[in-house]
């Protein structure tokens, strides 16, 4: 792959991301892309492309706008187990974490979040505490069963006979 060079006049693409146990998903919001280059490295990713935008006035003239994003990751990823998928309006990147089951509190190494980067709350899950919440629910259920078994009176359920009369 040729080396990606930052264009002189460029702007970042809007980025949405979310975290899972084994993967981090990054979606670049771009339309009508051409000359797309995605370089995934163990500690960073570079997206460089030229986007075609139609002028709103005439819909005939096209302007070339250079897009460039460089993201230094919070933690390392597996290069060969990460992949990208290109769609009409997005570039979807799936990054395999080196340290699985470790939550990323942010996508970038730098704690200051760039303005073009946002959390994808539609896909976000707090998977880190899922098991703990399940155990808490299970414990509550077990306690409830123990309380029921301590009661000496067994319900007669005589009122169920009334349902047969209908």
C-alpha atoms as a PDB file:
ATOM      1  CA  UNK A   1       0.000   0.000   0.000  1.00  0.00           C
ATOM      2  CA  UNK A   2       1.407   3.427  -0.892  1.00  0.00           C
ATOM      3  CA  UNK A   3       2.120   5.800   1.965  1.00  0.00           C
ATOM      4  CA  UNK A   4      -0.800   8.079   2.802  1.00  0.00           C
ATOM      5  CA  UNK A   5       0.131  11.740   2.721  1.00  0.00           C
ATOM      6  CA  UNK A   6      -2.007  14.404   4.385  1.00  0.00           C
ATOM      7  CA  UNK A   7      -3.456  16.667   1.676  1.00  0.00           C
ATOM      8  CA  UNK A   8      -2.764  20.403   1.967  1.00  0.00           C
ATOM      9  CA  UNK A   9      -6.392  21.485   1.916  1.00  0.00           C
ATOM     10  CA  UNK A  10      -8.375  18.814   3.747  1.00  0.00           C
ATOM     11  CA  UNK A  11     -11.103  18.352   6.305  1.00  0.00           C
ATOM     12  CA  UNK A  12     -11.940  15.434   8.634  1.00  0.00           C
ATOM     13  CA  UNK A  13     -14.884  13.146   8.033  1.00  0.00           C
ATOM     14  CA  UNK A  14     -17.487  12.814  10.781  1.00  0.00           C
ATOM     15  CA  UNK A  15     -16.819   9.648  12.814  1.00  0.00           C
ATOM     16  CA  UNK A  16     -19.146   7.541  14.999  1.00  0.00           C
ATOM     17  CA  UNK A  17     -17.738   4.735  17.133  1.00  0.00           C
ATOM     18  CA  UNK A  18     -18.810   2.135  19.698  1.00  0.00           C
ATOM     19  CA  UNK A  19     -17.137  -0.507  21.842  1.00  0.00           C
ATOM     20  CA  UNK A  20     -17.737  -4.255  22.203  1.00  0.00           C
ATOM     21  CA  UNK A  21     -15.925  -7.028  24.106  1.00  0.00           C
ATOM     22  CA  UNK A  22     -13.678  -8.084  21.226  1.00  0.00           C
ATOM     23  CA  UNK A  23     -14.085  -5.279  18.695  1.00  0.00           C
ATOM     24  CA  UNK A  24     -14.280  -1.530  18.293  1.00  0.00           C
ATOM     25  CA  UNK A  25     -16.464  -0.290  15.448  1.00  0.00           C
ATOM     26  CA  UNK A  26     -15.716   2.964  13.652  1.00  0.00           C
ATOM     27  CA  UNK A  27     -18.003   4.487  11.016  1.00  0.00           C
ATOM     28  CA  UNK A  28     -16.773   7.330   8.819  1.00  0.00           C
ATOM     29  CA  UNK A  29     -19.706   9.332   7.447  1.00  0.00           C
ATOM     30  CA  UNK A  30     -18.736  10.110   3.855  1.00  0.00           C
ATOM     31  CA  UNK A  31     -20.663  10.103   0.594  1.00  0.00           C
ATOM     32  CA  UNK A  32     -19.745   9.263  -2.976  1.00  0.00           C
ATOM     33  CA  UNK A  33     -16.156   8.413  -2.181  1.00  0.00           C
ATOM     34  CA  UNK A  34     -13.392   7.737  -4.649  1.00  0.00           C
ATOM     35  CA  UNK A  35      -9.661   7.218  -4.213  1.00  0.00           C
ATOM     36  CA  UNK A  36     -10.269   5.772  -0.765  1.00  0.00           C
ATOM     37  CA  UNK A  37      -7.275   4.688   1.285  1.00  0.00           C
ATOM     38  CA  UNK A  38      -7.615   3.110   4.724  1.00  0.00           C
ATOM     39  CA  UNK A  39      -4.435   2.249   6.560  1.00  0.00           C
ATOM     40  CA  UNK A  40      -4.993   0.272   9.779  1.00  0.00           C
ATOM     41  CA  UNK A  41      -1.908   0.009  11.981  1.00  0.00           C
ATOM     42  CA  UNK A  42      -1.607  -1.535  15.441  1.00  0.00           C
ATOM     43  CA  UNK A  43      -1.850   1.829  17.211  1.00  0.00           C
ATOM     44  CA  UNK A  44      -3.545   4.129  14.676  1.00  0.00           C
ATOM     45  CA  UNK A  45      -5.685   4.339  11.562  1.00  0.00           C
ATOM     46  CA  UNK A  46      -5.564   6.788   8.678  1.00  0.00           C
ATOM     47  CA  UNK A  47      -8.442   7.421   6.306  1.00  0.00           C
ATOM     48  CA  UNK A  48      -7.689   9.555   3.291  1.00  0.00           C
ATOM     49  CA  UNK A  49     -10.003  10.148   0.386  1.00  0.00           C
ATOM     50  CA  UNK A  50     -11.474  12.590  -2.054  1.00  0.00           C
ATOM     51  CA  UNK A  51     -15.234  13.093  -1.898  1.00  0.00           C
ATOM     52  CA  UNK A  52     -17.358  14.317  -4.761  1.00  0.00           C
ATOM     53  CA  UNK A  53     -20.009  16.816  -3.745  1.00  0.00           C
ATOM     54  CA  UNK A  54     -22.597  18.177  -6.110  1.00  0.00           C
ATOM     55  CA  UNK A  55     -23.099  21.927  -5.960  1.00  0.00           C
ATOM     56  CA  UNK A  56     -26.573  22.562  -4.541  1.00  0.00           C
ATOM     57  CA  UNK A  57     -27.332  25.307  -7.074  1.00  0.00           C
ATOM     58  CA  UNK A  58     -26.795  23.563 -10.382  1.00  0.00           C
ATOM     59  CA  UNK A  59     -26.318  19.845  -9.590  1.00  0.00           C
ATOM     60  CA  UNK A  60     -23.959  19.722 -12.566  1.00  0.00           C
ATOM     61  CA  UNK A  61     -20.677  21.088 -11.247  1.00  0.00           C
ATOM     62  CA  UNK A  62     -18.621  18.889  -8.964  1.00  0.00           C
ATOM     63  CA  UNK A  63     -16.115  20.084  -6.352  1.00  0.00           C
ATOM     64  CA  UNK A  64     -13.374  17.828  -5.037  1.00  0.00           C
ATOM     65  CA  UNK A  65     -12.951  17.957  -1.276  1.00  0.00           C
ATOM     66  CA  UNK A  66     -10.095  16.077   0.365  1.00  0.00           C
ATOM     67  CA  UNK A  67     -10.897  14.115   3.509  1.00  0.00           C
ATOM     68  CA  UNK A  68      -8.237  13.068   6.011  1.00  0.00           C
ATOM     69  CA  UNK A  69      -8.622  11.450   9.438  1.00  0.00           C
ATOM     70  CA  UNK A  70      -5.806  10.137  11.586  1.00  0.00           C
ATOM     71  CA  UNK A  71      -6.875   8.351  14.765  1.00  0.00           C
ATOM     72  CA  UNK A  72      -4.334   7.228  17.358  1.00  0.00           C
ATOM     73  CA  UNK A  73      -6.109   4.412  19.217  1.00  0.00           C
ATOM     74  CA  UNK A  74      -6.714   4.185  22.950  1.00  0.00           C
ATOM     75  CA  UNK A  75      -5.134   0.712  22.873  1.00  0.00           C
ATOM     76  CA  UNK A  76      -3.658  -1.629  20.257  1.00  0.00           C
ATOM     77  CA  UNK A  77      -5.590  -3.611  17.644  1.00  0.00           C
ATOM     78  CA  UNK A  78      -4.844  -6.700  15.545  1.00  0.00           C
ATOM     79  CA  UNK A  79      -4.027  -5.479  12.053  1.00  0.00           C
ATOM     80  CA  UNK A  80      -4.791  -8.709  10.195  1.00  0.00           C
ATOM     81  CA  UNK A  81      -8.056  -9.380  12.037  1.00  0.00           C
ATOM     82  CA  UNK A  82      -9.462  -5.884  11.395  1.00  0.00           C
ATOM     83  CA  UNK A  83     -11.341  -4.971   8.248  1.00  0.00           C
ATOM     84  CA  UNK A  84     -13.185  -2.230   6.436  1.00  0.00           C
ATOM     85  CA  UNK A  85     -16.392  -2.240   4.417  1.00  0.00           C
ATOM     86  CA  UNK A  86     -17.321   0.540   2.019  1.00  0.00           C
ATOM     87  CA  UNK A  87     -20.912   1.620   1.539  1.00  0.00           C
ATOM     88  CA  UNK A  88     -22.530   4.504  -0.356  1.00  0.00           C
ATOM     89  CA  UNK A  89     -22.586   6.832   2.641  1.00  0.00           C
ATOM     90  CA  UNK A  90     -20.207   5.284   5.166  1.00  0.00           C
ATOM     91  CA  UNK A  91     -16.942   3.469   5.559  1.00  0.00           C
ATOM     92  CA  UNK A  92     -17.419   0.840   8.269  1.00  0.00           C
ATOM     93  CA  UNK A  93     -14.235  -0.289  10.061  1.00  0.00           C
ATOM     94  CA  UNK A  94     -14.166  -3.201  12.489  1.00  0.00           C
ATOM     95  CA  UNK A  95     -11.045  -3.236  14.683  1.00  0.00           C
ATOM     96  CA  UNK A  96     -10.148  -6.382  16.652  1.00  0.00           C
ATOM     97  CA  UNK A  97      -8.824  -5.503  20.115  1.00  0.00           C
ATOM     98  CA  UNK A  98      -5.536  -6.996  21.315  1.00  0.00           C
ATOM     99  CA  UNK A  99      -6.875  -6.984  24.898  1.00  0.00           C
ATOM    100  CA  UNK A 100     -10.343  -8.521  24.704  1.00  0.00           C
ATOM    101  CA  UNK A 101     -12.913  -7.869  27.441  1.00  0.00           C
ATOM    102  CA  UNK A 102     -11.255  -4.551  28.273  1.00  0.00           C
ATOM    103  CA  UNK A 103     -13.517  -1.549  27.738  1.00  0.00           C
ATOM    104  CA  UNK A 104     -12.247   1.454  25.843  1.00  0.00           C
ATOM    105  CA  UNK A 105     -13.489   4.612  27.573  1.00  0.00           C
ATOM    106  CA  UNK A 106     -12.644   6.550  24.402  1.00  0.00           C
ATOM    107  CA  UNK A 107     -11.456   5.781  20.885  1.00  0.00           C
ATOM    108  CA  UNK A 108      -8.410   8.020  20.895  1.00  0.00           C
ATOM    109  CA  UNK A 109      -5.224   7.917  22.922  1.00  0.00           C
ATOM    110  CA  UNK A 110      -5.566  11.630  23.643  1.00  0.00           C
ATOM    111  CA  UNK A 111      -8.234  12.348  26.296  1.00  0.00           C
ATOM    112  CA  UNK A 112      -9.318  15.493  24.412  1.00  0.00           C
ATOM    113  CA  UNK A 113     -12.039  14.450  21.954  1.00  0.00           C
ATOM    114  CA  UNK A 114     -11.874  15.962  18.457  1.00  0.00           C
ATOM    115  CA  UNK A 115     -15.025  17.767  17.349  1.00  0.00           C
ATOM    116  CA  UNK A 116     -15.582  15.368  14.454  1.00  0.00           C
ATOM    117  CA  UNK A 117     -15.644  12.283  16.714  1.00  0.00           C
ATOM    118  CA  UNK A 118     -18.832  11.087  18.457  1.00  0.00           C
ATOM    119  CA  UNK A 119     -20.048   8.010  20.299  1.00  0.00           C
ATOM    120  CA  UNK A 120     -22.655   6.011  18.362  1.00  0.00           C
ATOM    121  CA  UNK A 121     -25.259   5.862  21.137  1.00  0.00           C
ATOM    122  CA  UNK A 122     -27.677   3.919  18.901  1.00  0.00           C
ATOM    123  CA  UNK A 123     -25.270   0.972  19.032  1.00  0.00           C
ATOM    124  CA  UNK A 124     -23.600   1.563  22.395  1.00  0.00           C
ATOM    125  CA  UNK A 125     -24.013  -1.044  25.146  1.00  0.00           C
ATOM    126  CA  UNK A 126     -22.502  -1.084  28.591  1.00  0.00           C
ATOM    127  CA  UNK A 127     -21.317  -4.673  28.142  1.00  0.00           C
ATOM    128  CA  UNK A 128     -18.780  -4.318  30.937  1.00  0.00           C
ATOM    129  CA  UNK A 129     -21.444  -4.706  33.652  1.00  0.00           C
ATOM    130  CA  UNK A 130     -23.835  -7.085  31.837  1.00  0.00           C
ATOM    131  CA  UNK A 131     -22.615 -10.166  33.709  1.00  0.00           C
ATOM    132  CA  UNK A 132     -22.721  -8.399  37.079  1.00  0.00           C
ATOM    133  CA  UNK A 133     -26.295  -7.211  36.475  1.00  0.00           C
ATOM    134  CA  UNK A 134     -27.317 -10.738  35.460  1.00  0.00           C
ATOM    135  CA  UNK A 135     -25.807 -12.147  38.656  1.00  0.00           C
ATOM    136  CA  UNK A 136     -27.620  -9.505  40.705  1.00  0.00           C
ATOM    137  CA  UNK A 137     -30.934 -10.449  39.073  1.00  0.00           C
ATOM    138  CA  UNK A 138     -30.212 -14.129  39.654  1.00  0.00           C
ATOM    139  CA  UNK A 139     -29.397 -13.463  43.320  1.00  0.00           C
ATOM    140  CA  UNK A 140     -32.665 -11.576  43.743  1.00  0.00           C
ATOM    141  CA  UNK A 141     -34.571 -14.468  42.148  1.00  0.00           C
ATOM    142  CA  UNK A 142     -32.859 -17.024  44.431  1.00  0.00           C
ATOM    143  CA  UNK A 143     -33.697 -14.901  47.502  1.00  0.00           C
ATOM    144  CA  UNK A 144     -37.314 -14.699  46.392  1.00  0.00           C
ATOM    145  CA  UNK A 145     -37.494 -18.507  46.029  1.00  0.00           C
ATOM    146  CA  UNK A 146     -35.973 -18.978  49.481  1.00  0.00           C
ATOM    147  CA  UNK A 147     -38.554 -16.609  50.994  1.00  0.00           C
ATOM    148  CA  UNK A 148     -41.347 -18.543  49.310  1.00  0.00           C
ATOM    149  CA  UNK A 149     -40.029 -21.880  50.584  1.00  0.00           C
ATOM    150  CA  UNK A 150     -39.939 -20.555  54.177  1.00  0.00           C
ATOM    151  CA  UNK A 151     -43.675 -19.983  54.145  1.00  0.00           C
ATOM    152  CA  UNK A 152     -45.460 -22.933  55.727  1.00  0.00           C
ATOM    153  CA  UNK A 153     -48.814 -22.254  54.121  1.00  0.00           C
ATOM    154  CA  UNK A 154     -49.252 -23.654  50.650  1.00  0.00           C
ATOM    155  CA  UNK A 155     -51.807 -21.731  48.612  1.00  0.00           C
ATOM    156  CA  UNK A 156     -55.003 -23.730  48.029  1.00  0.00           C
ATOM    157  CA  UNK A 157     -55.780 -22.224  44.630  1.00  0.00           C
ATOM    158  CA  UNK A 158     -59.501 -22.886  45.156  1.00  0.00           C
ATOM    159  CA  UNK A 159     -60.328 -19.815  43.140  1.00  0.00           C
ATOM    160  CA  UNK A 160     -59.079 -21.540  39.967  1.00  0.00           C
ATOM    161  CA  UNK A 161     -62.164 -23.802  39.998  1.00  0.00           C
ATOM    162  CA  UNK A 162     -64.288 -20.740  39.241  1.00  0.00           C
ATOM    163  CA  UNK A 163     -62.619 -20.430  35.829  1.00  0.00           C
ATOM    164  CA  UNK A 164     -63.982 -23.813  34.721  1.00  0.00           C
ATOM    165  CA  UNK A 165     -67.593 -22.651  35.241  1.00  0.00           C
ATOM    166  CA  UNK A 166     -67.444 -20.176  32.341  1.00  0.00           C
END
